[in-house]
Amino acid sequence: SELFAPSAIQSIVKKAMVERMSSVYHINRFAEDGDE
């Protein structure tokens, strides 16, 4: 594949998930103290 750096892929996926959750839950910081 064109994308081949696992650590960069990991951080971009996390960032995009946070962005999506922020837009729905209308919060900028997530406590992340719940279930895994």
Full PDB file with SEQRES, HELIX, SHEET, SSBOND, CRYST1, ORIGX, SCALE, CONECT and MASTER records, all heavy atoms in Angstrom:
SEQRES   1 A   36  SER GLU LEU PHE ALA PRO SER ALA ILE GLN SER ILE VAL          
SEQRES   2 A   36  LYS LYS ALA MET VAL GLU ARG MET SER SER VAL TYR HIS          
SEQRES   3 A   36  ILE ASN ARG PHE ALA GLU ASP GLY ASP GLU                      
HELIX    1 AA1 PRO A    6  TYR A   25  1                                  20    
CRYST1    1.000    1.000    1.000  90.00  90.00  90.00 P 1           1          
ORIGX1      1.000000  0.000000  0.000000        0.00000                         
ORIGX2      0.000000  1.000000  0.000000        0.00000                         
ORIGX3      0.000000  0.000000  1.000000        0.00000                         
SCALE1      1.000000  0.000000  0.000000        0.00000                         
SCALE2      0.000000  1.000000  0.000000        0.00000                         
SCALE3      0.000000  0.000000  1.000000        0.00000                         
ATOM      1  N   SER A   1       0.829  -1.213   0.000  1.00  0.00           N  
ATOM      2  CA  SER A   1       0.000   0.000   0.000  1.00  0.00           C  
ATOM      3  C   SER A   1       0.857   1.254   0.000  1.00  0.00           C  
ATOM      4  O   SER A   1       2.025   1.219   0.387  1.00  0.00           O  
ATOM      5  CB  SER A   1      -0.896   0.011   1.247  1.00  0.00           C  
ATOM      6  OG  SER A   1      -1.742  -1.122   1.244  1.00  0.00           O  
ATOM      7  N   GLU A   2       0.244   2.349  -0.436  1.00  0.00           N  
ATOM      8  CA  GLU A   2       0.935   3.649  -0.432  1.00  0.00           C  
ATOM      9  C   GLU A   2       1.256   4.074   1.005  1.00  0.00           C  
ATOM     10  O   GLU A   2       2.284   4.680   1.266  1.00  0.00           O  
ATOM     11  CB  GLU A   2       0.054   4.726  -1.088  1.00  0.00           C  
ATOM     12  CG  GLU A   2      -0.198   4.525  -2.575  1.00  0.00           C  
ATOM     13  CD  GLU A   2       1.035   4.790  -3.428  1.00  0.00           C  
ATOM     14  OE1 GLU A   2       1.777   5.738  -3.141  1.00  0.00           O  
ATOM     15  OE2 GLU A   2       1.263   4.009  -4.381  1.00  0.00           O  
ATOM     16  N   LEU A   3       0.333   3.805   1.924  1.00  0.00           N  
ATOM     17  CA  LEU A   3       0.548   4.162   3.337  1.00  0.00           C  
ATOM     18  C   LEU A   3       1.243   3.000   4.028  1.00  0.00           C  
ATOM     19  O   LEU A   3       0.741   1.887   4.014  1.00  0.00           O  
ATOM     20  CB  LEU A   3      -0.797   4.451   4.018  1.00  0.00           C  
ATOM     21  CG  LEU A   3      -1.621   5.584   3.405  1.00  0.00           C  
ATOM     22  CD1 LEU A   3      -2.968   5.698   4.102  1.00  0.00           C  
ATOM     23  CD2 LEU A   3      -0.875   6.915   3.504  1.00  0.00           C  
ATOM     24  N   PHE A   4       2.417   3.288   4.625  1.00  0.00           N  
ATOM     25  CA  PHE A   4       3.152   2.153   5.190  1.00  0.00           C  
ATOM     26  C   PHE A   4       3.782   2.431   6.554  1.00  0.00           C  
ATOM     27  O   PHE A   4       4.478   1.584   7.086  1.00  0.00           O  
ATOM     28  CB  PHE A   4       4.236   1.680   4.206  1.00  0.00           C  
ATOM     29  CG  PHE A   4       5.195   2.771   3.802  1.00  0.00           C  
ATOM     30  CD1 PHE A   4       6.266   3.100   4.600  1.00  0.00           C  
ATOM     31  CD2 PHE A   4       4.993   3.469   2.616  1.00  0.00           C  
ATOM     32  CE1 PHE A   4       7.144   4.114   4.229  1.00  0.00           C  
ATOM     33  CE2 PHE A   4       5.863   4.481   2.237  1.00  0.00           C  
ATOM     34  CZ  PHE A   4       6.939   4.805   3.051  1.00  0.00           C  
ATOM     35  N   ALA A   5       3.541   3.612   7.150  1.00  0.00           N  
ATOM     36  CA  ALA A   5       4.158   3.905   8.450  1.00  0.00           C  
ATOM     37  C   ALA A   5       3.142   3.653   9.564  1.00  0.00           C  
ATOM     38  O   ALA A   5       2.272   4.488   9.812  1.00  0.00           O  
ATOM     39  CB  ALA A   5       4.632   5.356   8.475  1.00  0.00           C  
ATOM     40  N   PRO A   6       3.226   2.506  10.284  1.00  0.00           N  
ATOM     41  CA  PRO A   6       2.204   2.157  11.272  1.00  0.00           C  
ATOM     42  C   PRO A   6       1.955   3.232  12.338  1.00  0.00           C  
ATOM     43  O   PRO A   6       0.804   3.529  12.649  1.00  0.00           O  
ATOM     44  CB  PRO A   6       2.730   0.869  11.909  1.00  0.00           C  
ATOM     45  CG  PRO A   6       3.578   0.254  10.845  1.00  0.00           C  
ATOM     46  CD  PRO A   6       4.206   1.411  10.124  1.00  0.00           C  
ATOM     47  N   SER A   7       3.028   3.860  12.844  1.00  0.00           N  
ATOM     48  CA  SER A   7       2.805   4.832  13.935  1.00  0.00           C  
ATOM     49  C   SER A   7       2.059   6.070  13.430  1.00  0.00           C  
ATOM     50  O   SER A   7       1.190   6.618  14.119  1.00  0.00           O  
ATOM     51  CB  SER A   7       4.121   5.216  14.608  1.00  0.00           C  
ATOM     52  OG  SER A   7       4.998   5.751  13.654  1.00  0.00           O  
ATOM     53  N   ALA A   8       2.362   6.508  12.193  1.00  0.00           N  
ATOM     54  CA  ALA A   8       1.643   7.657  11.611  1.00  0.00           C  
ATOM     55  C   ALA A   8       0.183   7.295  11.357  1.00  0.00           C  
ATOM     56  O   ALA A   8      -0.731   8.085  11.628  1.00  0.00           O  
ATOM     57  CB  ALA A   8       2.313   8.084  10.310  1.00  0.00           C  
ATOM     58  N   ILE A   9      -0.050   6.075  10.866  1.00  0.00           N  
ATOM     59  CA  ILE A   9      -1.420   5.606  10.621  1.00  0.00           C  
ATOM     60  C   ILE A   9      -2.200   5.606  11.934  1.00  0.00           C  
ATOM     61  O   ILE A   9      -3.329   6.104  12.012  1.00  0.00           O  
ATOM     62  CB  ILE A   9      -1.407   4.192   9.988  1.00  0.00           C  
ATOM     63  CG1 ILE A   9      -0.842   4.263   8.559  1.00  0.00           C  
ATOM     64  CG2 ILE A   9      -2.808   3.566   9.981  1.00  0.00           C  
ATOM     65  CD1 ILE A   9      -0.409   2.927   7.981  1.00  0.00           C  
ATOM     66  N   GLN A  10      -1.562   5.079  12.999  1.00  0.00           N  
ATOM     67  CA  GLN A  10      -2.224   5.014  14.302  1.00  0.00           C  
ATOM     68  C   GLN A  10      -2.640   6.403  14.789  1.00  0.00           C  
ATOM     69  O   GLN A  10      -3.771   6.608  15.238  1.00  0.00           O  
ATOM     70  CB  GLN A  10      -1.303   4.347  15.336  1.00  0.00           C  
ATOM     71  CG  GLN A  10      -1.243   2.835  15.175  1.00  0.00           C  
ATOM     72  CD  GLN A  10      -0.164   2.197  16.036  1.00  0.00           C  
ATOM     73  OE1 GLN A  10       1.020   2.320  15.756  1.00  0.00           O  
ATOM     74  NE2 GLN A  10      -0.576   1.508  17.078  1.00  0.00           N  
ATOM     75  N   SER A  11      -1.730   7.372  14.677  1.00  0.00           N  
ATOM     76  CA  SER A  11      -2.061   8.698  15.227  1.00  0.00           C  
ATOM     77  C   SER A  11      -3.120   9.412  14.385  1.00  0.00           C  
ATOM     78  O   SER A  11      -3.988  10.107  14.913  1.00  0.00           O  
ATOM     79  CB  SER A  11      -0.802   9.557  15.420  1.00  0.00           C  
ATOM     80  OG  SER A  11      -0.289   9.962  14.196  1.00  0.00           O  
ATOM     81  N   ILE A  12      -3.118   9.205  13.063  1.00  0.00           N  
ATOM     82  CA  ILE A  12      -4.133   9.849  12.208  1.00  0.00           C  
ATOM     83  C   ILE A  12      -5.512   9.250  12.452  1.00  0.00           C  
ATOM     84  O   ILE A  12      -6.506   9.968  12.520  1.00  0.00           O  
ATOM     85  CB  ILE A  12      -3.705   9.780  10.716  1.00  0.00           C  
ATOM     86  CG1 ILE A  12      -2.658  10.871  10.488  1.00  0.00           C  
ATOM     87  CG2 ILE A  12      -4.886   9.987   9.770  1.00  0.00           C  
ATOM     88  CD1 ILE A  12      -1.838  10.716   9.276  1.00  0.00           C  
ATOM     89  N   VAL A  13      -5.571   7.929  12.616  1.00  0.00           N  
ATOM     90  CA  VAL A  13      -6.859   7.274  12.893  1.00  0.00           C  
ATOM     91  C   VAL A  13      -7.425   7.790  14.219  1.00  0.00           C  
ATOM     92  O   VAL A  13      -8.598   8.155  14.305  1.00  0.00           O  
ATOM     93  CB  VAL A  13      -6.704   5.729  12.905  1.00  0.00           C  
ATOM     94  CG1 VAL A  13      -7.973   5.053  13.422  1.00  0.00           C  
ATOM     95  CG2 VAL A  13      -6.369   5.218  11.498  1.00  0.00           C  
ATOM     96  N   LYS A  14      -6.589   7.871  15.228  1.00  0.00           N  
ATOM     97  CA  LYS A  14      -7.047   8.373  16.541  1.00  0.00           C  
ATOM     98  C   LYS A  14      -7.552   9.815  16.423  1.00  0.00           C  
ATOM     99  O   LYS A  14      -8.624  10.177  16.922  1.00  0.00           O  
ATOM    100  CB  LYS A  14      -5.893   8.277  17.552  1.00  0.00           C  
ATOM    101  CG  LYS A  14      -6.111   8.992  18.869  1.00  0.00           C  
ATOM    102  CD  LYS A  14      -6.951   8.184  19.843  1.00  0.00           C  
ATOM    103  CE  LYS A  14      -7.162   8.984  21.129  1.00  0.00           C  
ATOM    104  NZ  LYS A  14      -7.656   8.218  22.243  1.00  0.00           N  
ATOM    105  N   LYS A  15      -6.780  10.644  15.721  1.00  0.00           N  
ATOM    106  CA  LYS A  15      -7.135  12.060  15.555  1.00  0.00           C  
ATOM    107  C   LYS A  15      -8.492  12.209  14.853  1.00  0.00           C  
ATOM    108  O   LYS A  15      -9.348  12.996  15.265  1.00  0.00           O  
ATOM    109  CB  LYS A  15      -6.032  12.739  14.724  1.00  0.00           C  
ATOM    110  CG  LYS A  15      -6.066  14.248  14.750  1.00  0.00           C  
ATOM    111  CD  LYS A  15      -4.847  14.798  14.018  1.00  0.00           C  
ATOM    112  CE  LYS A  15      -5.048  16.265  13.697  1.00  0.00           C  
ATOM    113  NZ  LYS A  15      -4.044  16.766  12.767  1.00  0.00           N  
ATOM    114  N   ALA A  16      -8.709  11.396  13.798  1.00  0.00           N  
ATOM    115  CA  ALA A  16      -9.973  11.459  13.050  1.00  0.00           C  
ATOM    116  C   ALA A  16     -11.147  10.976  13.907  1.00  0.00           C  
ATOM    117  O   ALA A  16     -12.251  11.529  13.846  1.00  0.00           O  
ATOM    118  CB  ALA A  16      -9.867  10.619  11.781  1.00  0.00           C  
ATOM    119  N   MET A  17     -10.898   9.967  14.753  1.00  0.00           N  
ATOM    120  CA  MET A  17     -11.955   9.481  15.654  1.00  0.00           C  
ATOM    121  C   MET A  17     -12.337  10.566  16.666  1.00  0.00           C  
ATOM    122  O   MET A  17     -13.520  10.798  16.926  1.00  0.00           O  
ATOM    123  CB  MET A  17     -11.489   8.211  16.386  1.00  0.00           C  
ATOM    124  CG  MET A  17     -11.425   6.974  15.513  1.00  0.00           C  
ATOM    125  SD  MET A  17     -10.809   5.524  16.420  1.00  0.00           S  
ATOM    126  CE  MET A  17     -12.239   5.132  17.450  1.00  0.00           C  
ATOM    127  N   VAL A  18     -11.333  11.226  17.222  1.00  0.00           N  
ATOM    128  CA  VAL A  18     -11.581  12.304  18.198  1.00  0.00           C  
ATOM    129  C   VAL A  18     -12.394  13.418  17.539  1.00  0.00           C  
ATOM    130  O   VAL A  18     -13.369  13.926  18.110  1.00  0.00           O  
ATOM    131  CB  VAL A  18     -10.245  12.856  18.766  1.00  0.00           C  
ATOM    132  CG1 VAL A  18     -10.468  14.150  19.555  1.00  0.00           C  
ATOM    133  CG2 VAL A  18      -9.570  11.813  19.654  1.00  0.00           C  
ATOM    134  N   GLU A  19     -12.012  13.769  16.315  1.00  0.00           N  
ATOM    135  CA  GLU A  19     -12.702  14.833  15.580  1.00  0.00           C  
ATOM    136  C   GLU A  19     -14.179  14.478  15.367  1.00  0.00           C  
ATOM    137  O   GLU A  19     -15.068  15.309  15.576  1.00  0.00           O  
ATOM    138  CB  GLU A  19     -11.991  15.027  14.236  1.00  0.00           C  
ATOM    139  CG  GLU A  19     -12.365  16.273  13.476  1.00  0.00           C  
ATOM    140  CD  GLU A  19     -11.964  17.563  14.183  1.00  0.00           C  
ATOM    141  OE1 GLU A  19     -10.925  17.582  14.875  1.00  0.00           O  
ATOM    142  OE2 GLU A  19     -12.715  18.540  14.047  1.00  0.00           O  
ATOM    143  N   ARG A  20     -14.423  13.244  14.976  1.00  0.00           N  
ATOM    144  CA  ARG A  20     -15.800  12.789  14.753  1.00  0.00           C  
ATOM    145  C   ARG A  20     -16.612  12.833  16.063  1.00  0.00           C  
ATOM    146  O   ARG A  20     -17.734  13.329  16.104  1.00  0.00           O  
ATOM    147  CB  ARG A  20     -15.771  11.348  14.211  1.00  0.00           C  
ATOM    148  CG  ARG A  20     -17.139  10.653  14.162  1.00  0.00           C  
ATOM    149  CD  ARG A  20     -17.960  11.110  12.992  1.00  0.00           C  
ATOM    150  NE  ARG A  20     -19.337  10.648  13.061  1.00  0.00           N  
ATOM    151  CZ  ARG A  20     -20.108  10.459  12.002  1.00  0.00           C  
ATOM    152  NH1 ARG A  20     -19.628  10.692  10.797  1.00  0.00           N  
ATOM    153  NH2 ARG A  20     -21.351  10.071  12.136  1.00  0.00           N  
ATOM    154  N   MET A  21     -16.010  12.301  17.137  1.00  0.00           N  
ATOM    155  CA  MET A  21     -16.703  12.256  18.432  1.00  0.00           C  
ATOM    156  C   MET A  21     -16.947  13.677  18.963  1.00  0.00           C  
ATOM    157  O   MET A  21     -17.995  13.970  19.529  1.00  0.00           O  
ATOM    158  CB  MET A  21     -15.876  11.448  19.440  1.00  0.00           C  
ATOM    159  CG  MET A  21     -15.645  10.010  19.016  1.00  0.00           C  
ATOM    160  SD  MET A  21     -16.923   8.882  19.549  1.00  0.00           S  
ATOM    161  CE  MET A  21     -16.505   8.706  21.263  1.00  0.00           C  
ATOM    162  N   SER A  22     -15.985  14.567  18.747  1.00  0.00           N  
ATOM    163  CA  SER A  22     -16.132  15.972  19.202  1.00  0.00           C  
ATOM    164  C   SER A  22     -17.322  16.631  18.519  1.00  0.00           C  
ATOM    165  O   SER A  22     -18.107  17.347  19.147  1.00  0.00           O  
ATOM    166  CB  SER A  22     -14.889  16.795  18.861  1.00  0.00           C  
ATOM    167  OG  SER A  22     -13.794  16.354  19.591  1.00  0.00           O  
ATOM    168  N   SER A  23     -17.448  16.375  17.218  1.00  0.00           N  
ATOM    169  CA  SER A  23     -18.516  17.037  16.464  1.00  0.00           C  
ATOM    170  C   SER A  23     -19.898  16.538  16.894  1.00  0.00           C  
ATOM    171  O   SER A  23     -20.888  17.252  16.810  1.00  0.00           O  
ATOM    172  CB  SER A  23     -18.320  16.838  14.960  1.00  0.00           C  
ATOM    173  OG  SER A  23     -18.502  15.477  14.633  1.00  0.00           O  
ATOM    174  N   VAL A  24     -19.959  15.305  17.391  1.00  0.00           N  
ATOM    175  CA  VAL A  24     -21.248  14.738  17.795  1.00  0.00           C  
ATOM    176  C   VAL A  24     -21.553  15.065  19.263  1.00  0.00           C  
ATOM    177  O   VAL A  24     -22.658  15.474  19.607  1.00  0.00           O  
ATOM    178  CB  VAL A  24     -21.262  13.195  17.584  1.00  0.00           C  
ATOM    179  CG1 VAL A  24     -22.547  12.589  18.136  1.00  0.00           C  
ATOM    180  CG2 VAL A  24     -21.116  12.863  16.105  1.00  0.00           C  
ATOM    181  N   TYR A  25     -20.550  14.882  20.129  1.00  0.00           N  
ATOM    182  CA  TYR A  25     -20.768  15.077  21.571  1.00  0.00           C  
ATOM    183  C   TYR A  25     -20.552  16.538  22.015  1.00  0.00           C  
ATOM    184  O   TYR A  25     -20.791  16.882  23.167  1.00  0.00           O  
ATOM    185  CB  TYR A  25     -19.860  14.139  22.377  1.00  0.00           C  
ATOM    186  CG  TYR A  25     -20.299  12.683  22.347  1.00  0.00           C  
ATOM    187  CD1 TYR A  25     -19.471  11.689  21.826  1.00  0.00           C  
ATOM    188  CD2 TYR A  25     -21.544  12.306  22.829  1.00  0.00           C  
ATOM    189  CE1 TYR A  25     -19.868  10.354  21.789  1.00  0.00           C  
ATOM    190  CE2 TYR A  25     -21.957  10.973  22.806  1.00  0.00           C  
ATOM    191  CZ  TYR A  25     -21.121  10.007  22.284  1.00  0.00           C  
ATOM    192  OH  TYR A  25     -21.513   8.680  22.257  1.00  0.00           O  
ATOM    193  N   HIS A  26     -20.060  17.367  21.071  1.00  0.00           N  
ATOM    194  CA  HIS A  26     -19.828  18.811  21.339  1.00  0.00           C  
ATOM    195  C   HIS A  26     -18.911  19.040  22.549  1.00  0.00           C  
ATOM    196  O   HIS A  26     -19.193  19.868  23.406  1.00  0.00           O  
ATOM    197  CB  HIS A  26     -21.157  19.564  21.527  1.00  0.00           C  
ATOM    198  CG  HIS A  26     -22.110  19.317  20.396  1.00  0.00           C  
ATOM    199  ND1 HIS A  26     -21.823  19.685  19.090  1.00  0.00           N  
ATOM    200  CD2 HIS A  26     -23.315  18.680  20.349  1.00  0.00           C  
ATOM    201  CE1 HIS A  26     -22.820  19.312  18.290  1.00  0.00           C  
ATOM    202  NE2 HIS A  26     -23.734  18.698  19.038  1.00  0.00           N  
ATOM    203  N   ILE A  27     -17.837  18.245  22.612  1.00  0.00           N  
ATOM    204  CA  ILE A  27     -16.795  18.495  23.621  1.00  0.00           C  
ATOM    205  C   ILE A  27     -15.446  18.371  22.922  1.00  0.00           C  
ATOM    206  O   ILE A  27     -15.301  17.622  21.952  1.00  0.00           O  
ATOM    207  CB  ILE A  27     -16.863  17.515  24.820  1.00  0.00           C  
ATOM    208  CG1 ILE A  27     -17.017  16.052  24.358  1.00  0.00           C  
ATOM    209  CG2 ILE A  27     -17.953  17.877  25.810  1.00  0.00           C  
ATOM    210  CD1 ILE A  27     -16.941  15.039  25.486  1.00  0.00           C  
ATOM    211  N   ASN A  28     -14.480  19.124  23.443  1.00  0.00           N  
ATOM    212  CA  ASN A  28     -13.157  19.102  22.813  1.00  0.00           C  
ATOM    213  C   ASN A  28     -12.184  18.154  23.501  1.00  0.00           C  
ATOM    214  O   ASN A  28     -11.243  17.670  22.891  1.00  0.00           O  
ATOM    215  CB  ASN A  28     -12.554  20.512  22.782  1.00  0.00           C  
ATOM    216  CG  ASN A  28     -13.340  21.394  21.825  1.00  0.00           C  
ATOM    217  OD1 ASN A  28     -13.789  20.925  20.782  1.00  0.00           O  
ATOM    218  ND2 ASN A  28     -13.544  22.653  22.197  1.00  0.00           N  
ATOM    219  N   ARG A  29     -12.415  17.938  24.795  1.00  0.00           N  
ATOM    220  CA  ARG A  29     -11.506  17.030  25.517  1.00  0.00           C  
ATOM    221  C   ARG A  29     -12.303  15.826  26.027  1.00  0.00           C  
ATOM    222  O   ARG A  29     -13.366  15.978  26.602  1.00  0.00           O  
ATOM    223  CB  ARG A  29     -10.855  17.740  26.705  1.00  0.00           C  
ATOM    224  CG  ARG A  29      -9.779  18.731  26.284  1.00  0.00           C  
ATOM    225  CD  ARG A  29      -9.014  19.239  27.492  1.00  0.00           C  
ATOM    226  NE  ARG A  29      -8.224  18.191  28.145  1.00  0.00           N  
ATOM    227  CZ  ARG A  29      -7.032  17.781  27.711  1.00  0.00           C  
ATOM    228  NH1 ARG A  29      -6.499  18.313  26.627  1.00  0.00           N  
ATOM    229  NH2 ARG A  29      -6.372  16.839  28.342  1.00  0.00           N  
ATOM    230  N   PHE A  30     -11.761  14.634  25.799  1.00  0.00           N  
ATOM    231  CA  PHE A  30     -12.435  13.414  26.251  1.00  0.00           C  
ATOM    232  C   PHE A  30     -11.722  12.871  27.491  1.00  0.00           C  
ATOM    233  O   PHE A  30     -10.502  12.729  27.500  1.00  0.00           O  
ATOM    234  CB  PHE A  30     -12.426  12.355  25.139  1.00  0.00           C  
ATOM    235  CG  PHE A  30     -13.345  12.693  24.009  1.00  0.00           C  
ATOM    236  CD1 PHE A  30     -12.885  13.425  22.921  1.00  0.00           C  
ATOM    237  CD2 PHE A  30     -14.680  12.316  24.043  1.00  0.00           C  
ATOM    238  CE1 PHE A  30     -13.737  13.763  21.885  1.00  0.00           C  
ATOM    239  CE2 PHE A  30     -15.540  12.656  22.999  1.00  0.00           C  
ATOM    240  CZ  PHE A  30     -15.076  13.376  21.927  1.00  0.00           C  
ATOM    241  N   ALA A  31     -12.502  12.582  28.521  1.00  0.00           N  
ATOM    242  CA  ALA A  31     -11.910  12.067  29.772  1.00  0.00           C  
ATOM    243  C   ALA A  31     -11.274  10.688  29.539  1.00  0.00           C  
ATOM    244  O   ALA A  31     -10.258  10.350  30.138  1.00  0.00           O  
ATOM    245  CB  ALA A  31     -12.988  11.964  30.842  1.00  0.00           C  
ATOM    246  N   GLU A  32     -11.872   9.895  28.665  1.00  0.00           N  
ATOM    247  CA  GLU A  32     -11.400   8.532  28.372  1.00  0.00           C  
ATOM    248  C   GLU A  32     -11.189   7.722  29.656  1.00  0.00           C  
ATOM    249  O   GLU A  32     -10.190   7.022  29.814  1.00  0.00           O  
ATOM    250  CB  GLU A  32     -10.118   8.556  27.519  1.00  0.00           C  
ATOM    251  CG  GLU A  32     -10.359   9.128  26.121  1.00  0.00           C  
ATOM    252  CD  GLU A  32      -9.348   8.651  25.081  1.00  0.00           C  
ATOM    253  OE1 GLU A  32      -8.985   7.467  25.108  1.00  0.00           O  
ATOM    254  OE2 GLU A  32      -8.944   9.477  24.249  1.00  0.00           O  
ATOM    255  N   ASP A  33     -12.125   7.829  30.583  1.00  0.00           N  
ATOM    256  CA  ASP A  33     -12.013   7.087  31.838  1.00  0.00           C  
ATOM    257  C   ASP A  33     -13.061   5.966  31.927  1.00  0.00           C  
ATOM    258  O   ASP A  33     -13.334   5.429  32.988  1.00  0.00           O  
ATOM    259  CB  ASP A  33     -12.155   8.038  33.039  1.00  0.00           C  
ATOM    260  CG  ASP A  33     -13.444   8.858  32.988  1.00  0.00           C  
ATOM    261  OD1 ASP A  33     -14.248   8.646  32.048  1.00  0.00           O  
ATOM    262  OD2 ASP A  33     -13.644   9.713  33.871  1.00  0.00           O  
ATOM    263  N   GLY A  34     -13.659   5.632  30.760  1.00  0.00           N  
ATOM    264  CA  GLY A  34     -14.691   4.586  30.735  1.00  0.00           C  
ATOM    265  C   GLY A  34     -14.140   3.256  30.246  1.00  0.00           C  
ATOM    266  O   GLY A  34     -12.949   2.960  30.410  1.00  0.00           O  
ATOM    267  N   ASP A  35     -14.997   2.472  29.628  1.00  0.00           N  
ATOM    268  CA  ASP A  35     -14.606   1.137  29.154  1.00  0.00           C  
ATOM    269  C   ASP A  35     -13.699   1.224  27.923  1.00  0.00           C  
ATOM    270  O   ASP A  35     -13.687   2.218  27.211  1.00  0.00           O  
ATOM    271  CB  ASP A  35     -15.864   0.319  28.832  1.00  0.00           C  
ATOM    272  CG  ASP A  35     -16.666   0.051  30.097  1.00  0.00           C  
ATOM    273  OD1 ASP A  35     -16.048  -0.312  31.108  1.00  0.00           O  
ATOM    274  OD2 ASP A  35     -17.901   0.241  30.080  1.00  0.00           O  
ATOM    275  N   GLU A  36     -12.975   0.129  27.690  1.00  0.00           N  
ATOM    276  CA  GLU A  36     -11.955   0.110  26.632  1.00  0.00           C  
ATOM    277  C   GLU A  36     -12.549  -0.284  25.279  1.00  0.00           C  
ATOM    278  O   GLU A  36     -13.346  -1.211  25.189  1.00  0.00           O  
ATOM    279  CB  GLU A  36     -10.856  -0.889  27.004  1.00  0.00           C  
ATOM    280  CG  GLU A  36     -10.107  -0.492  28.266  1.00  0.00           C  
ATOM    281  CD  GLU A  36      -8.934  -1.440  28.563  1.00  0.00           C  
ATOM    282  OE1 GLU A  36      -8.829  -2.499  27.904  1.00  0.00           O  
ATOM    283  OE2 GLU A  36      -8.132  -1.091  29.447  1.00  0.00           O  
TER     284      GLU A  36                                                      
MASTER        0    0    0    1    0    0    0    6  283    1    0    3          
END                                                                             
